[in-house]
Amino acid sequence: QVQLVESGGGLVQPGGSLRLSCTASGIIFSIYRMGWYRQAPGKQRELVARITREGNTNYTDSVKGRFTISRDNAKNTVYLQMNSLKPEDTAVYYCNAVFGATMGWGQGTQVTVSS
């Protein structure tokens, strides 16, 4: 069973930074494609960033140049470094893990960007 636990969310001023962490258990972490998604109130859940087992990354256009996804396989952890945060980044951020037909989601961590 895939278990994912996010941390690092909170309240930050516009232009500020946060680093989210997601630690996995119950899986062979190194073979999973990891991702971050977010869902704002009244909106659909959207992909933010993904990183493959090879380390290849992709980002939604709205966060390119501001967010960086990375992984540390020795720690079973994926990170999302978020810089130059904007109010429109406010959402619950979810960690995701995929390998073939197996998929898991974390419970989410709240990120609020407000002055």
Protein backbone atom coordinates (compact mmCIF):
# COMPACT_ATOMS: atom_id res chain seq x y z
CA GLN A 1 0.00 0.00 0.00
CA VAL A 2 1.33 3.41 -1.00
CA GLN A 3 1.56 5.86 1.88
CA LEU A 4 2.56 9.46 1.25
CA VAL A 5 2.87 12.17 3.88
CA GLU A 6 3.32 15.83 2.93
CA SER A 7 4.79 18.57 5.07
CA GLY A 8 6.07 22.11 4.75
CA GLY A 9 2.92 24.02 3.92
CA GLY A 10 1.92 27.21 5.62
CA LEU A 11 1.25 30.92 5.27
CA VAL A 12 3.71 33.02 3.30
CA GLN A 13 3.82 36.56 1.91
CA PRO A 14 3.67 37.15 -1.85
CA GLY A 15 7.19 36.82 -3.22
CA GLY A 16 8.19 34.45 -0.47
CA SER A 17 9.31 30.83 -0.57
CA LEU A 18 8.31 27.47 0.84
CA ARG A 19 9.68 23.97 0.46
CA LEU A 20 7.23 21.09 0.53
CA SER A 21 8.33 17.56 1.36
CA CYS A 22 6.63 14.24 0.71
CA THR A 23 7.92 11.07 2.32
CA ALA A 24 6.80 7.70 0.98
CA SER A 25 6.48 4.29 2.57
CA GLY A 26 5.15 0.94 1.41
CA ILE A 27 6.75 1.25 -2.03
CA ILE A 28 10.08 0.85 -3.77
CA PHE A 29 10.40 4.60 -4.00
CA SER A 30 13.18 4.77 -6.59
CA ILE A 31 11.05 3.23 -9.37
CA TYR A 32 8.03 5.52 -8.94
CA ARG A 33 7.24 8.64 -10.87
CA MET A 34 6.54 11.31 -8.27
CA GLY A 35 4.43 14.39 -8.65
CA TRP A 36 2.92 17.40 -6.99
CA TYR A 37 -0.63 18.49 -7.69
CA ARG A 38 -2.70 21.28 -6.22
CA GLN A 39 -6.34 22.16 -5.79
CA ALA A 40 -7.63 25.63 -5.02
CA PRO A 41 -11.14 26.23 -3.64
CA GLY A 42 -13.74 25.81 -6.37
CA LYS A 43 -11.18 24.63 -8.92
CA GLN A 44 -10.06 21.32 -10.42
CA ARG A 45 -6.98 19.55 -9.15
CA GLU A 46 -4.08 20.35 -11.46
CA LEU A 47 -0.61 19.02 -12.06
CA VAL A 48 2.15 21.25 -10.73
CA ALA A 49 5.31 19.22 -11.34
CA ARG A 50 6.48 15.66 -11.95
CA ILE A 51 9.80 13.87 -11.75
CA THR A 52 10.57 10.45 -13.21
CA ARG A 53 12.76 7.70 -11.84
CA GLU A 54 15.47 8.95 -14.23
CA GLY A 55 15.22 12.47 -12.83
CA ASN A 56 13.41 14.04 -15.78
CA THR A 57 11.05 16.82 -14.77
CA ASN A 58 8.10 18.71 -16.15
CA TYR A 59 6.07 21.64 -14.86
CA THR A 60 2.84 23.38 -15.54
CA ASP A 61 3.46 26.66 -17.35
CA SER A 62 2.28 28.83 -14.48
CA VAL A 63 5.09 27.67 -12.17
CA LYS A 64 7.99 27.32 -14.62
CA GLY A 65 11.00 29.25 -13.43
CA ARG A 66 9.60 29.56 -9.91
CA PHE A 67 9.15 25.98 -8.68
CA THR A 68 11.64 23.10 -8.65
CA ILE A 69 10.83 19.45 -8.05
CA SER A 70 13.55 17.10 -6.83
CA ARG A 71 13.87 13.71 -5.21
CA ASP A 72 16.15 12.00 -2.73
CA ASN A 73 15.76 8.26 -3.17
CA ALA A 74 17.87 7.52 -0.10
CA LYS A 75 15.29 9.38 2.00
CA ASN A 76 12.21 8.20 0.07
CA THR A 77 11.34 11.86 -0.30
CA VAL A 78 10.27 14.21 -3.07
CA TYR A 79 10.49 17.98 -2.65
CA LEU A 80 8.86 21.00 -4.19
CA GLN A 81 10.83 24.21 -3.78
CA MET A 82 8.47 27.13 -4.37
CA ASN A 83 9.92 30.60 -4.92
CA SER A 84 8.37 33.94 -5.88
CA LEU A 85 5.03 32.76 -4.59
CA LYS A 86 1.87 34.46 -5.80
CA PRO A 87 -1.63 34.59 -4.28
CA GLU A 88 -2.84 32.36 -7.12
CA ASP A 89 -0.52 29.62 -5.82
CA THR A 90 -2.80 29.29 -2.80
CA ALA A 91 -4.10 25.71 -2.74
CA VAL A 92 -3.90 22.37 -1.05
CA TYR A 93 -0.84 20.64 -2.46
CA TYR A 94 -0.92 16.86 -2.90
CA CYS A 95 1.89 14.39 -3.39
CA ASN A 96 1.39 11.62 -5.95
CA ALA A 97 3.26 8.40 -6.76
CA VAL A 98 2.76 6.24 -9.87
CA PHE A 99 4.27 3.01 -11.11
CA GLY A 100 2.30 1.15 -13.76
CA ALA A 101 -1.16 0.44 -12.38
CA THR A 102 -0.21 1.40 -8.84
CA MET A 103 -0.95 4.93 -7.67
CA GLY A 104 -1.16 6.73 -4.35
CA TRP A 105 -2.00 10.18 -3.02
CA GLY A 106 -1.04 12.04 0.11
CA GLN A 107 -3.53 13.83 2.31
CA GLY A 108 -2.38 17.26 1.21
CA THR A 109 -0.76 20.28 2.80
CA GLN A 110 -2.20 23.80 2.73
CA VAL A 111 -0.22 26.60 1.11
CA THR A 112 -1.59 30.10 1.57
CA VAL A 113 0.03 33.11 -0.11
CA SER A 114 -1.37 36.33 1.28
CA SER A 115 -0.25 39.79 2.32
